[in-house]
Amino acid sequence: MNPSTAQARVLVDELIRNDVRHVVLSPGSRNAPLSFALHEAAAAGRLTLHVRVDERTAGFLALGLARGGGHVTAVTCTSGTAVANLHPAMMEARHARVPVIALTADRPVELYRTGASQTVDQQRVFGLDTLQFPIAERRDGQNGLWRSLVCRAVATAEAEGPVHVNVPFREPLVPDRDADWPEALDGRPFDMPWTRAAPRTTTSLHPADHLGPRTLVVVGDTGHRPADQDVAELAERAGWPVVAEPTGHGLRHGTLLLNAGDLPEHLTPQAVVVVGRATLSRGVLKLIARTPVVHVLSDDLDWPDPRFAATHASTGLVLGEHEVDHDWLTAWQHADKAVADVVDDLLAREPWPTGPHVARDVVAALPPGANLYLGSSNPVRDVDLVAEPRRDVTTFANRGVAGIDGSVSTAAGIALTRGPTYALIGDLTFLHDANGLLIGPHEPRPDLTIVVLNDDGGGIFALLEQGAPEHGHAFERVFGTPHGVDLAALCAAHHVRHTEARTPEELRRALGRPDGVSVVEIRAERHELRDLHTRLKAAVSTASH
């Protein structure tokens, strides 16, 4: 047996022993030893292999598999620019603490600085410490080393998020018929990991005596570590209202209240408890910045605090004898109901479809137990502003870095691990990951319905400063970026079902149980979007005062 084949087989076997059940593979020459070993393991039913020809798509598919399944997932590719194409997914995984292992093949060290093809320095290419495998040699004493390194990689991913494992392979890169090797390559008995690493946790509970009865809880993105239940129990006992991003649960229109302008005095908190990364809403960030007491709950020493407003940080809170102001919670609930009436009335008078219409209708139409992925840009914000929260729907979004990259692939990964899934994304987000529709005939296929709100360009920029009328001379070309792509033809090229929904009824009918991959397109205009949001915020501000 040649050294590269021996090392690859041991590496794959130890990943499986460490409960890695999904691996995404992008084909190449230098990672051929891993490709053969993974194919062999998949054929034996030991893991599920997913093959994607685009490394960026492969990276986000692995991210979705890890998010949906809650377990460490690996993605492997060849050397050179292939590795760089994993970078966007690894950035998202790093900031959202999703357990993804990037298993990159490399050229041996003697080819560095020689001008050899597809050879670059891959150390710390993702900004992470690189777990570097030694080059395999035909000698004994390596089996335990290889297996120990795999255990370290998996344990680190479980505790901290993404890990970069770099494996240089010398030729030959394909298996030979010789089974001879200087030492036994077996793992531990009974398919156990080489090293069983117990989770290491640190807990810091802070007394809540600095948090008075007029406290507001803000729930942002918590990555793959949901904290909803603990937060809900804490808030209920304390009598604190909860404002949550779509991946959490709180008041229906809490975010819209905070985005409509300054809060009236009877709704202004004296303290804020922040859970996760609350970066979706400018109104929420402004409130945090001007509140005198801000307590961040995080198990990370790099606690989220983009406005540098945190006065306290801990992993949890201890509520002792605590004064409850029932009028405080009631005031927020009444304001939330008043805003709901205003939103419903305004949208009823507005021609369908707009982004808020579609966000409201998609969330309302989902069956109980559904999985929903929200693309960055306007869809996640529209759901945040107007949709009725559903505790019977599990919502996902790539909020670690909040890019539009890889949304189709992330949603596919969630569907492959959690079952039928829906995605709501914009047209540019869809086009940015159109390769996510490219699934080979031998690959596991997700049950995924993708709703695309197509307003022919970057609608979100119309809501930002650059969308103001004084910038109209430059807006359409450099921000609006119309594309004119025929999405039906694009889907046909990928043998993906396409439906256009022109009415709310057609949309509801299209949201039956997902069966394979399908796309539901809704065409909308974005030129009136800024005016709609201005009127919405004005109506909400009036209703809450």
Protein backbone atom coordinates (compact mmCIF):
# COMPACT_ATOMS: atom_id res chain seq x y z
CA MET A 1 0.00 0.00 0.00
CA ASN A 2 1.37 3.41 -0.83
CA PRO A 3 1.67 6.01 1.99
CA SER A 4 -0.97 8.44 0.69
CA THR A 5 -3.58 5.70 0.47
CA ALA A 6 -2.74 4.42 3.96
CA GLN A 7 -3.00 7.86 5.49
CA ALA A 8 -6.26 8.72 3.72
CA ARG A 9 -7.94 5.47 4.78
CA VAL A 10 -6.92 5.94 8.41
CA LEU A 11 -8.04 9.56 8.39
CA VAL A 12 -11.50 8.72 7.00
CA ASP A 13 -11.92 5.77 9.37
CA GLU A 14 -11.12 7.92 12.39
CA LEU A 15 -13.52 10.67 11.27
CA ILE A 16 -16.29 8.08 11.20
CA ARG A 17 -15.30 6.79 14.66
CA ASN A 18 -15.66 10.39 15.87
CA ASP A 19 -19.26 10.49 14.62
CA VAL A 20 -18.67 12.49 11.45
CA ARG A 21 -21.50 11.20 9.28
CA HIS A 22 -21.56 13.65 6.36
CA VAL A 23 -18.59 14.62 4.17
CA VAL A 24 -18.73 16.92 1.15
CA LEU A 25 -16.18 16.27 -1.59
CA SER A 26 -15.04 18.50 -4.44
CA PRO A 27 -13.03 16.39 -6.87
CA GLY A 28 -9.41 17.05 -7.72
CA SER A 29 -6.12 15.33 -8.30
CA ARG A 30 -4.23 15.99 -5.09
CA ASN A 31 -7.16 14.92 -2.88
CA ALA A 32 -7.60 11.68 -4.86
CA PRO A 33 -6.45 9.51 -1.89
CA LEU A 34 -9.24 11.00 0.24
CA SER A 35 -11.74 10.67 -2.61
CA PHE A 36 -11.09 6.94 -2.94
CA ALA A 37 -11.22 6.41 0.83
CA LEU A 38 -14.47 8.37 1.17
CA HIS A 39 -16.09 6.53 -1.73
CA GLU A 40 -15.14 3.20 -0.15
CA ALA A 41 -16.60 4.24 3.21
CA ALA A 42 -19.79 5.53 1.60
CA ALA A 43 -20.21 2.32 -0.41
CA ALA A 44 -19.94 0.38 2.86
CA GLY A 45 -22.70 2.53 4.40
CA ARG A 46 -20.41 4.07 7.00
CA LEU A 47 -21.00 7.72 6.00
CA THR A 48 -23.00 9.84 3.57
CA LEU A 49 -20.90 11.37 0.81
CA HIS A 50 -21.96 14.47 -1.11
CA VAL A 51 -20.03 15.42 -4.28
CA ARG A 52 -20.09 19.01 -5.59
CA VAL A 53 -17.95 20.36 -8.42
CA ASP A 54 -17.80 23.92 -7.01
CA GLU A 55 -15.79 24.30 -3.80
CA ARG A 56 -17.68 27.41 -2.69
CA THR A 57 -20.96 25.49 -3.02
CA ALA A 58 -19.38 22.49 -1.28
CA GLY A 59 -18.30 24.63 1.67
CA PHE A 60 -21.76 26.06 2.22
CA LEU A 61 -23.37 22.65 1.78
CA ALA A 62 -21.13 21.41 4.61
CA LEU A 63 -22.14 24.45 6.66
CA GLY A 64 -25.82 23.64 6.14
CA LEU A 65 -25.29 19.97 6.98
CA ALA A 66 -23.57 20.96 10.23
CA ARG A 67 -26.25 23.53 11.08
CA GLY A 68 -29.10 21.19 10.33
CA GLY A 69 -27.66 18.07 11.91
CA GLY A 70 -25.85 19.71 14.80
CA HIS A 71 -22.77 17.53 14.25
CA VAL A 72 -19.27 18.05 12.91
CA THR A 73 -19.23 17.91 9.11
CA ALA A 74 -16.16 17.78 6.85
CA VAL A 75 -15.56 19.23 3.41
CA THR A 76 -12.54 18.23 1.35
CA CYS A 77 -10.94 19.66 -1.77
CA THR A 78 -7.71 19.71 -3.73
CA SER A 79 -4.93 22.28 -3.31
CA GLY A 80 -4.49 25.84 -4.59
CA THR A 81 -7.43 28.08 -5.51
CA ALA A 82 -9.81 25.26 -4.58
CA VAL A 83 -8.90 25.92 -0.95
CA ALA A 84 -9.52 29.66 -1.32
CA ASN A 85 -13.04 28.93 -2.58
CA LEU A 86 -13.87 27.41 0.83
CA HIS A 87 -13.03 30.69 2.52
CA PRO A 88 -16.52 32.33 2.51
CA ALA A 89 -18.12 29.29 4.15
CA MET A 90 -15.31 29.02 6.68
CA MET A 91 -15.70 32.70 7.57
CA GLU A 92 -19.42 32.19 8.17
CA ALA A 93 -18.71 29.05 10.20
CA ARG A 94 -16.12 30.86 12.28
CA HIS A 95 -18.35 33.77 13.23
CA ALA A 96 -21.39 31.56 13.80
CA ARG A 97 -19.33 28.83 15.54
CA VAL A 98 -20.56 26.06 13.24
CA PRO A 99 -18.51 22.81 13.47
CA VAL A 100 -17.07 22.42 9.97
CA ILE A 101 -13.72 20.77 9.21
CA ALA A 102 -12.02 21.96 6.02
CA LEU A 103 -9.93 18.97 4.99
CA THR A 104 -7.63 20.39 2.34
CA ALA A 105 -5.17 18.37 0.30
CA ASP A 106 -1.77 19.94 -0.30
CA ARG A 107 1.38 19.50 -2.31
CA PRO A 108 4.37 18.14 -0.38
CA VAL A 109 6.73 20.72 1.08
CA GLU A 110 9.48 20.09 -1.46
CA LEU A 111 7.28 21.63 -4.16
CA TYR A 112 6.82 24.92 -2.32
CA ARG A 113 8.56 27.91 -3.93
CA THR A 114 9.39 25.93 -7.04
CA GLY A 115 6.69 27.23 -9.34
CA ALA A 116 4.96 23.84 -9.26
CA SER A 117 1.39 23.84 -10.52
CA GLN A 118 -1.44 24.49 -8.06
CA THR A 119 0.97 24.99 -5.17
CA VAL A 120 0.47 27.76 -2.62
CA ASP A 121 1.15 28.19 1.08
CA GLN A 122 -2.07 26.93 2.67
CA GLN A 123 -1.10 27.54 6.29
CA ARG A 124 -3.64 29.84 8.04
CA VAL A 125 -5.35 30.52 4.71
CA PHE A 126 -8.67 30.86 6.59
CA GLY A 127 -7.23 32.96 9.40
CA LEU A 128 -7.36 29.89 11.65
CA ASP A 129 -4.55 27.88 13.16
CA THR A 130 -3.89 25.04 10.72
CA LEU A 131 -3.70 21.50 12.00
CA GLN A 132 -0.93 20.27 9.71
CA PHE A 133 -0.65 16.56 8.99
CA PRO A 134 2.85 15.20 8.44
CA ILE A 135 3.60 13.71 5.04
CA ALA A 136 2.96 9.98 5.14
CA GLU A 137 5.98 7.71 4.80
CA ARG A 138 6.39 3.98 4.48
CA ARG A 139 7.36 3.25 8.09
CA ASP A 140 5.68 2.26 11.33
CA GLY A 141 4.64 4.57 14.18
CA GLN A 142 2.19 6.74 12.22
CA ASN A 143 -1.25 5.18 12.77
CA GLY A 144 -1.67 6.53 16.31
CA LEU A 145 -0.40 9.96 15.27
CA TRP A 146 -2.86 10.26 12.37
CA ARG A 147 -5.79 9.09 14.49
CA SER A 148 -4.90 11.36 17.39
CA LEU A 149 -4.79 14.39 15.09
CA VAL A 150 -8.26 13.58 13.74
CA CYS A 151 -9.62 13.35 17.30
CA ARG A 152 -8.11 16.73 18.12
CA ALA A 153 -9.69 18.27 15.02
CA VAL A 154 -13.16 16.94 15.82
CA ALA A 155 -12.97 17.91 19.50
CA THR A 156 -11.88 21.43 18.56
CA ALA A 157 -14.69 21.78 16.02
CA GLU A 158 -17.27 20.65 18.59
CA ALA A 159 -16.02 23.17 21.12
CA GLU A 160 -15.03 26.15 19.02
CA GLY A 161 -16.35 25.90 15.46
CA PRO A 162 -14.47 25.51 12.18
CA VAL A 163 -11.11 23.74 11.94
CA HIS A 164 -8.61 23.66 9.09
CA VAL A 165 -6.85 20.33 8.58
CA ASN A 166 -4.18 20.41 5.86
CA VAL A 167 -2.87 17.11 4.48
CA PRO A 168 0.03 17.02 2.02
CA PHE A 169 0.08 13.96 -0.23
CA ARG A 170 3.00 12.62 -2.27
CA GLU A 171 2.43 10.60 -5.40
CA PRO A 172 1.23 7.98 -6.07
CA LEU A 173 -2.24 9.33 -5.31
CA VAL A 174 -4.32 6.28 -6.30
CA PRO A 175 -4.60 2.91 -4.53
CA ASP A 176 -2.48 -0.01 -5.63
CA ARG A 177 -3.15 -3.72 -5.20
CA ASP A 178 -0.52 -4.20 -2.54
CA ALA A 179 -2.08 -4.42 0.96
CA ASP A 180 1.24 -4.65 2.80
CA TRP A 181 2.10 -1.94 5.38
CA PRO A 182 4.78 -1.84 8.13
CA GLU A 183 2.25 -1.61 11.01
CA ALA A 184 -1.37 -2.42 11.72
CA LEU A 185 -3.70 0.42 10.71
CA ASP A 186 -6.55 -0.60 12.98
CA GLY A 187 -8.38 1.80 15.27
CA ARG A 188 -9.55 1.17 18.82
CA PRO A 189 -11.79 -1.86 19.50
CA PHE A 190 -15.56 -1.58 19.05
CA ASP A 191 -15.24 1.36 16.61
CA MET A 192 -14.32 3.74 19.42
CA PRO A 193 -12.36 6.94 18.77
CA TRP A 194 -8.61 6.80 19.31
CA THR A 195 -8.94 9.48 21.99
CA ARG A 196 -12.27 10.19 23.68
CA ALA A 197 -12.28 13.90 24.54
CA ALA A 198 -14.88 15.11 27.06
CA PRO A 199 -16.39 18.55 26.34
CA ARG A 200 -14.67 21.35 28.21
CA THR A 201 -16.99 24.06 29.47
CA THR A 202 -16.63 27.14 31.59
CA THR A 203 -19.66 28.56 33.35
CA SER A 204 -19.93 32.06 34.77
CA LEU A 205 -23.26 32.93 36.36
CA HIS A 206 -23.79 36.57 37.26
CA PRO A 207 -26.32 37.75 39.86
CA ALA A 208 -29.02 39.86 38.19
CA ASP A 209 -29.20 42.47 40.94
CA HIS A 210 -28.07 45.20 38.50
CA LEU A 211 -31.06 44.49 36.23
CA GLY A 212 -34.26 46.17 37.33
CA PRO A 213 -37.85 45.34 36.41
CA ARG A 214 -37.74 47.57 33.28
CA THR A 215 -35.35 45.30 31.40
CA LEU A 216 -35.67 44.31 27.75
CA VAL A 217 -34.26 41.03 26.39
CA VAL A 218 -32.79 41.12 22.88
CA VAL A 219 -32.15 37.77 21.17
CA GLY A 220 -29.86 37.83 18.15
CA ASP A 221 -28.30 35.01 16.17
CA THR A 222 -26.94 32.25 18.40
CA GLY A 223 -25.30 30.19 15.64
CA HIS A 224 -25.89 26.47 15.99
CA ARG A 225 -26.37 26.75 19.76
CA PRO A 226 -30.04 27.64 20.36
CA ALA A 227 -30.64 29.41 23.66
CA ASP A 228 -34.33 30.18 23.20
CA GLN A 229 -35.68 27.96 25.95
CA ASP A 230 -33.39 29.24 28.69
CA VAL A 231 -33.99 32.84 27.63
CA ALA A 232 -37.75 32.38 27.47
CA GLU A 233 -37.84 30.92 30.99
CA LEU A 234 -35.61 33.71 32.32
CA ALA A 235 -37.73 36.43 30.72
CA GLU A 236 -40.99 34.88 31.88
CA ARG A 237 -39.86 34.67 35.49
CA ALA A 238 -38.54 38.22 35.43
CA GLY A 239 -41.45 39.77 33.54
CA TRP A 240 -39.20 41.05 30.75
CA PRO A 241 -40.40 41.47 27.14
CA VAL A 242 -38.33 39.75 24.43
CA VAL A 243 -37.36 41.19 21.05
CA ALA A 244 -35.89 38.48 18.85
CA GLU A 245 -34.44 38.08 15.38
CA PRO A 246 -36.25 35.54 13.17
CA THR A 247 -34.05 32.67 14.37
CA GLY A 248 -35.44 33.25 17.89
CA HIS A 249 -38.86 33.94 19.41
CA GLY A 250 -40.23 37.12 20.88
CA LEU A 251 -42.81 39.84 20.31
CA ARG A 252 -44.21 39.90 16.77
CA HIS A 253 -43.19 43.46 15.96
CA GLY A 254 -40.57 44.27 18.60
CA THR A 255 -37.92 45.02 16.00
CA LEU A 256 -40.29 47.21 13.98
CA LEU A 257 -41.03 49.22 17.12
CA LEU A 258 -37.32 49.83 17.62
CA ASN A 259 -36.79 50.79 13.98
CA ALA A 260 -39.65 53.28 13.83
CA GLY A 261 -37.83 55.97 15.85
CA ASP A 262 -37.25 56.80 19.51
CA LEU A 263 -39.35 54.77 21.93
CA PRO A 264 -41.92 56.56 24.08
CA GLU A 265 -40.91 56.88 27.71
CA HIS A 266 -43.23 54.10 28.92
CA LEU A 267 -41.45 51.60 26.63
CA THR A 268 -37.85 52.77 27.18
CA PRO A 269 -35.82 50.15 29.09
CA GLN A 270 -33.41 50.88 31.90
CA ALA A 271 -31.37 47.77 31.06
CA VAL A 272 -30.95 45.36 28.15
CA VAL A 273 -29.96 41.69 28.22
CA VAL A 274 -28.41 40.65 24.91
CA VAL A 275 -28.24 37.00 23.82
CA GLY A 276 -26.29 36.13 20.67
CA ARG A 277 -25.25 38.53 17.93
CA ALA A 278 -28.00 41.13 17.55
CA THR A 279 -26.71 42.67 14.31
CA LEU A 280 -29.73 42.46 11.99
CA SER A 281 -31.50 45.69 12.96
CA ARG A 282 -30.09 49.21 13.19
CA GLY A 283 -32.87 50.14 15.58
CA VAL A 284 -31.88 47.38 17.99
CA LEU A 285 -28.23 48.43 17.87
CA LYS A 286 -29.16 52.06 18.56
CA LEU A 287 -31.23 51.04 21.57
CA ILE A 288 -28.35 48.97 22.96
CA ALA A 289 -25.93 51.86 22.49
CA ARG A 290 -28.04 54.32 24.49
CA THR A 291 -29.18 52.01 27.33
CA PRO A 292 -27.13 52.54 30.51
CA VAL A 293 -26.93 48.85 31.56
CA VAL A 294 -26.22 46.21 28.91
CA HIS A 295 -25.61 42.61 30.00
CA VAL A 296 -24.35 40.26 27.27
CA LEU A 297 -24.92 36.51 27.72
CA SER A 298 -22.27 34.56 25.82
CA ASP A 299 -20.10 31.49 26.32
CA ASP A 300 -17.41 33.07 24.17
CA LEU A 301 -14.66 35.31 25.51
CA ASP A 302 -15.14 37.34 22.32
CA TRP A 303 -18.61 38.33 23.47
CA PRO A 304 -20.70 40.19 20.86
CA ASP A 305 -20.68 43.94 21.48
CA PRO A 306 -20.40 45.88 18.19
CA ARG A 307 -21.41 49.17 19.85
CA PHE A 308 -18.98 48.77 22.79
CA ALA A 309 -21.91 49.23 25.15
CA ALA A 310 -21.67 46.10 27.33
CA THR A 311 -21.43 46.81 31.05
CA HIS A 312 -21.55 43.11 32.04
CA ALA A 313 -20.80 39.78 30.35
CA SER A 314 -21.37 36.22 31.57
CA THR A 315 -22.59 32.85 30.38
CA GLY A 316 -25.79 33.06 32.44
CA LEU A 317 -27.81 34.98 35.00
CA VAL A 318 -28.95 34.07 38.49
CA LEU A 319 -32.32 35.57 39.40
CA GLY A 320 -32.76 35.91 43.13
CA GLU A 321 -35.53 37.88 44.78
CA HIS A 322 -36.57 39.96 41.82
CA GLU A 323 -39.11 42.76 41.54
CA VAL A 324 -41.53 42.21 38.68
CA ASP A 325 -43.23 45.18 37.02
CA HIS A 326 -46.27 43.63 35.36
CA ASP A 327 -47.21 46.97 33.80
CA TRP A 328 -43.88 46.98 31.94
CA LEU A 329 -44.52 43.71 30.13
CA THR A 330 -48.17 44.63 29.52
CA ALA A 331 -47.18 47.95 27.95
CA TRP A 332 -44.92 46.18 25.44
CA GLN A 333 -47.60 43.60 24.66
CA HIS A 334 -50.20 46.31 24.04
CA ALA A 335 -47.79 48.26 21.83
CA ASP A 336 -47.00 45.09 19.89
CA LYS A 337 -50.72 44.47 19.29
CA ALA A 338 -51.26 48.08 18.16
CA VAL A 339 -48.39 47.78 15.70
CA ALA A 340 -49.74 44.46 14.38
CA ASP A 341 -53.05 46.16 13.57
CA VAL A 342 -51.26 48.98 11.77
CA VAL A 343 -49.11 46.57 9.73
CA ASP A 344 -52.05 44.39 8.75
CA ASP A 345 -54.06 47.43 7.68
CA LEU A 346 -51.23 48.97 5.64
CA LEU A 347 -50.38 45.72 3.84
CA ALA A 348 -54.06 45.09 3.09
CA ARG A 349 -54.17 48.40 1.22
CA GLU A 350 -50.89 47.79 -0.62
CA PRO A 351 -50.85 45.94 -3.97
CA TRP A 352 -49.45 42.41 -3.65
CA PRO A 353 -46.58 41.45 -3.81
CA THR A 354 -44.03 43.40 -1.84
CA GLY A 355 -41.22 41.95 0.28
CA PRO A 356 -43.23 42.36 3.50
CA HIS A 357 -46.27 40.69 1.89
CA VAL A 358 -44.23 37.68 0.80
CA ALA A 359 -42.39 37.37 4.14
CA ARG A 360 -45.68 37.42 6.06
CA ASP A 361 -47.42 35.00 3.70
CA VAL A 362 -44.58 32.47 3.43
CA VAL A 363 -44.15 32.17 7.20
CA ALA A 364 -47.91 31.91 7.73
CA ALA A 365 -48.33 29.20 5.07
CA LEU A 366 -45.65 26.80 6.34
CA PRO A 367 -46.85 23.51 7.83
CA PRO A 368 -46.17 22.80 11.52
CA GLY A 369 -42.69 21.43 12.08
CA ALA A 370 -41.27 23.04 8.95
CA ASN A 371 -37.66 24.18 8.53
CA LEU A 372 -37.18 27.66 7.07
CA TYR A 373 -33.96 29.17 5.75
CA LEU A 374 -33.88 32.96 5.29
CA GLY A 375 -31.45 34.58 2.90
CA SER A 376 -29.49 37.64 3.95
CA SER A 377 -30.46 41.06 2.61
CA ASN A 378 -34.19 41.92 2.58
CA PRO A 379 -35.94 38.54 3.20
CA VAL A 380 -34.61 38.01 6.72
CA ARG A 381 -35.34 41.65 7.54
CA ASP A 382 -38.87 41.51 6.13
CA VAL A 383 -39.60 38.44 8.25
CA ASP A 384 -38.07 40.24 11.23
CA LEU A 385 -40.34 43.26 10.73
CA VAL A 386 -43.75 41.87 9.82
CA ALA A 387 -44.10 38.07 10.06
CA GLU A 388 -46.00 36.37 12.86
CA PRO A 389 -43.43 34.33 14.85
CA ARG A 390 -43.96 30.56 14.62
CA ARG A 391 -42.73 28.45 17.50
CA ASP A 392 -43.56 25.36 15.45
CA VAL A 393 -41.14 26.40 12.67
CA THR A 394 -37.34 26.13 13.01
CA THR A 395 -35.68 29.09 11.33
CA PHE A 396 -32.10 29.27 10.06
CA ALA A 397 -30.03 32.07 8.56
CA ASN A 398 -26.36 32.70 7.82
CA ARG A 399 -25.93 35.60 10.22
CA GLY A 400 -22.33 34.95 11.26
CA VAL A 401 -20.96 37.26 8.57
CA ALA A 402 -24.38 37.99 7.00
CA GLY A 403 -23.25 37.55 3.40
CA ILE A 404 -25.51 36.36 0.60
CA ASP A 405 -22.99 33.67 -0.38
CA GLY A 406 -23.98 30.03 -0.50
CA SER A 407 -27.62 30.39 0.52
CA VAL A 408 -28.99 27.72 -1.83
CA SER A 409 -26.30 25.28 -0.71
CA THR A 410 -26.76 26.04 2.99
CA ALA A 411 -30.50 25.46 2.69
CA ALA A 412 -29.82 22.20 0.82
CA GLY A 413 -27.56 21.02 3.63
CA ILE A 414 -30.24 21.78 6.21
CA ALA A 415 -32.80 19.84 4.14
CA LEU A 416 -30.48 16.85 3.80
CA THR A 417 -30.14 16.55 7.59
CA ARG A 418 -33.52 17.79 8.87
CA GLY A 419 -35.90 16.79 6.09
CA PRO A 420 -38.23 18.98 3.99
CA THR A 421 -37.11 22.60 4.09
CA TYR A 422 -38.24 25.93 2.68
CA ALA A 423 -36.01 28.87 1.77
CA LEU A 424 -36.97 32.50 1.21
CA ILE A 425 -34.28 34.43 -0.65
CA GLY A 426 -33.86 37.36 -3.05
CA ASP A 427 -32.97 37.12 -6.71
CA LEU A 428 -29.36 38.26 -6.35
CA THR A 429 -28.85 35.83 -3.48
CA PHE A 430 -30.29 33.05 -5.64
CA LEU A 431 -28.09 33.91 -8.62
CA HIS A 432 -25.02 34.21 -6.41
CA ASP A 433 -25.33 30.51 -5.58
CA ALA A 434 -27.00 29.17 -8.72
CA ASN A 435 -24.39 26.39 -8.66
CA GLY A 436 -26.23 25.12 -5.59
CA LEU A 437 -28.78 23.72 -8.05
CA LEU A 438 -26.05 21.61 -9.67
CA ILE A 439 -26.51 18.19 -8.05
CA GLY A 440 -25.21 15.12 -9.83
CA PRO A 441 -27.45 12.14 -10.62
CA HIS A 442 -25.80 9.91 -8.01
CA GLU A 443 -26.03 12.42 -5.14
CA PRO A 444 -28.53 12.53 -2.26
CA ARG A 445 -31.15 15.12 -3.26
CA PRO A 446 -32.70 17.47 -0.70
CA ASP A 447 -36.41 18.11 -0.41
CA LEU A 448 -36.19 21.88 -0.72
CA THR A 449 -38.61 24.55 -1.94
CA ILE A 450 -36.85 27.84 -2.71
CA VAL A 451 -39.05 30.94 -2.82
CA VAL A 452 -37.28 33.67 -4.80
CA LEU A 453 -38.57 37.24 -4.53
CA ASN A 454 -37.34 38.60 -7.84
CA ASP A 455 -37.28 42.40 -7.99
CA ASP A 456 -34.53 42.37 -10.63
CA GLY A 457 -31.68 43.68 -8.51
CA GLY A 458 -30.50 44.81 -5.11
CA GLY A 459 -33.66 46.00 -3.41
CA ILE A 460 -32.03 46.37 -0.01
CA PHE A 461 -29.90 49.28 -1.20
CA ALA A 462 -33.07 51.28 -1.88
CA LEU A 463 -33.62 51.27 1.90
CA LEU A 464 -30.11 52.46 2.78
CA GLU A 465 -28.47 55.86 2.51
CA GLN A 466 -27.44 55.28 -1.11
CA GLY A 467 -31.10 54.84 -2.02
CA ALA A 468 -31.92 58.47 -1.24
CA PRO A 469 -33.21 60.53 -4.21
CA GLU A 470 -30.06 62.66 -4.38
CA HIS A 471 -28.06 59.58 -5.39
CA GLY A 472 -30.48 58.56 -8.12
CA HIS A 473 -28.04 59.35 -10.95
CA ALA A 474 -25.73 56.52 -9.84
CA PHE A 475 -28.06 54.19 -7.97
CA GLU A 476 -29.42 51.90 -10.65
CA ARG A 477 -26.11 50.87 -12.19
CA VAL A 478 -23.89 50.44 -9.14
CA PHE A 479 -26.45 49.51 -6.45
CA GLY A 480 -29.68 48.46 -8.14
CA THR A 481 -27.76 46.19 -10.55
CA PRO A 482 -30.64 44.89 -12.68
CA HIS A 483 -29.82 41.56 -14.34
CA GLY A 484 -32.82 40.48 -16.41
CA VAL A 485 -32.10 36.77 -15.90
CA ASP A 486 -34.79 34.31 -16.94
CA LEU A 487 -35.04 32.22 -13.76
CA ALA A 488 -37.35 29.68 -15.40
CA ALA A 489 -34.75 28.98 -18.09
CA LEU A 490 -32.01 28.75 -15.45
CA CYS A 491 -34.03 26.20 -13.50
CA ALA A 492 -34.81 24.24 -16.68
CA ALA A 493 -31.10 23.98 -17.44
CA HIS A 494 -30.65 22.32 -14.04
CA HIS A 495 -33.76 20.12 -14.39
CA VAL A 496 -35.31 21.91 -11.40
CA ARG A 497 -39.05 22.55 -11.22
CA HIS A 498 -40.02 26.23 -11.56
CA THR A 499 -43.34 27.86 -10.67
CA GLU A 500 -44.30 31.51 -10.82
CA ALA A 501 -46.71 32.65 -8.09
CA ARG A 502 -48.73 35.71 -9.12
CA THR A 503 -51.21 35.75 -6.24
CA PRO A 504 -51.19 34.85 -2.53
CA GLU A 505 -53.33 31.82 -3.35
CA GLU A 506 -50.84 30.56 -5.94
CA LEU A 507 -48.04 31.04 -3.41
CA ARG A 508 -49.88 29.00 -0.76
CA ARG A 509 -50.53 26.21 -3.24
CA ALA A 510 -46.85 26.16 -4.22
CA LEU A 511 -45.81 25.69 -0.59
CA GLY A 512 -46.93 22.09 -0.29
CA ARG A 513 -44.59 19.52 1.17
CA PRO A 514 -41.21 19.82 -0.61
CA ASP A 515 -40.39 16.89 -2.89
CA GLY A 516 -36.97 17.28 -4.48
CA VAL A 517 -35.70 20.75 -5.37
CA SER A 518 -38.17 23.30 -6.72
CA VAL A 519 -38.18 27.07 -7.19
CA VAL A 520 -41.16 29.37 -6.66
CA GLU A 521 -40.57 32.76 -8.26
CA ILE A 522 -42.47 35.89 -7.25
CA ARG A 523 -41.85 38.95 -9.37
CA ALA A 524 -42.02 42.30 -7.61
CA GLU A 525 -41.08 45.94 -8.10
CA ARG A 526 -38.46 47.58 -5.92
CA HIS A 527 -38.86 51.20 -6.98
CA GLU A 528 -41.59 51.91 -4.40
CA LEU A 529 -39.84 50.00 -1.62
CA ARG A 530 -38.28 53.01 0.11
CA ASP A 531 -41.60 54.86 0.24
CA LEU A 532 -43.39 51.76 1.61
CA HIS A 533 -40.92 51.38 4.48
CA THR A 534 -41.09 55.10 5.26
CA ARG A 535 -44.89 54.93 5.53
CA LEU A 536 -44.70 51.75 7.58
CA LYS A 537 -42.32 53.25 10.14
CA ALA A 538 -44.35 56.45 10.39
CA ALA A 539 -47.55 54.50 11.05
CA VAL A 540 -45.83 52.35 13.67
CA SER A 541 -44.35 55.36 15.45
CA THR A 542 -47.80 56.94 15.69
CA ALA A 543 -49.40 53.73 16.97
CA SER A 544 -46.80 53.16 19.71
CA HIS A 545 -46.99 56.63 21.26
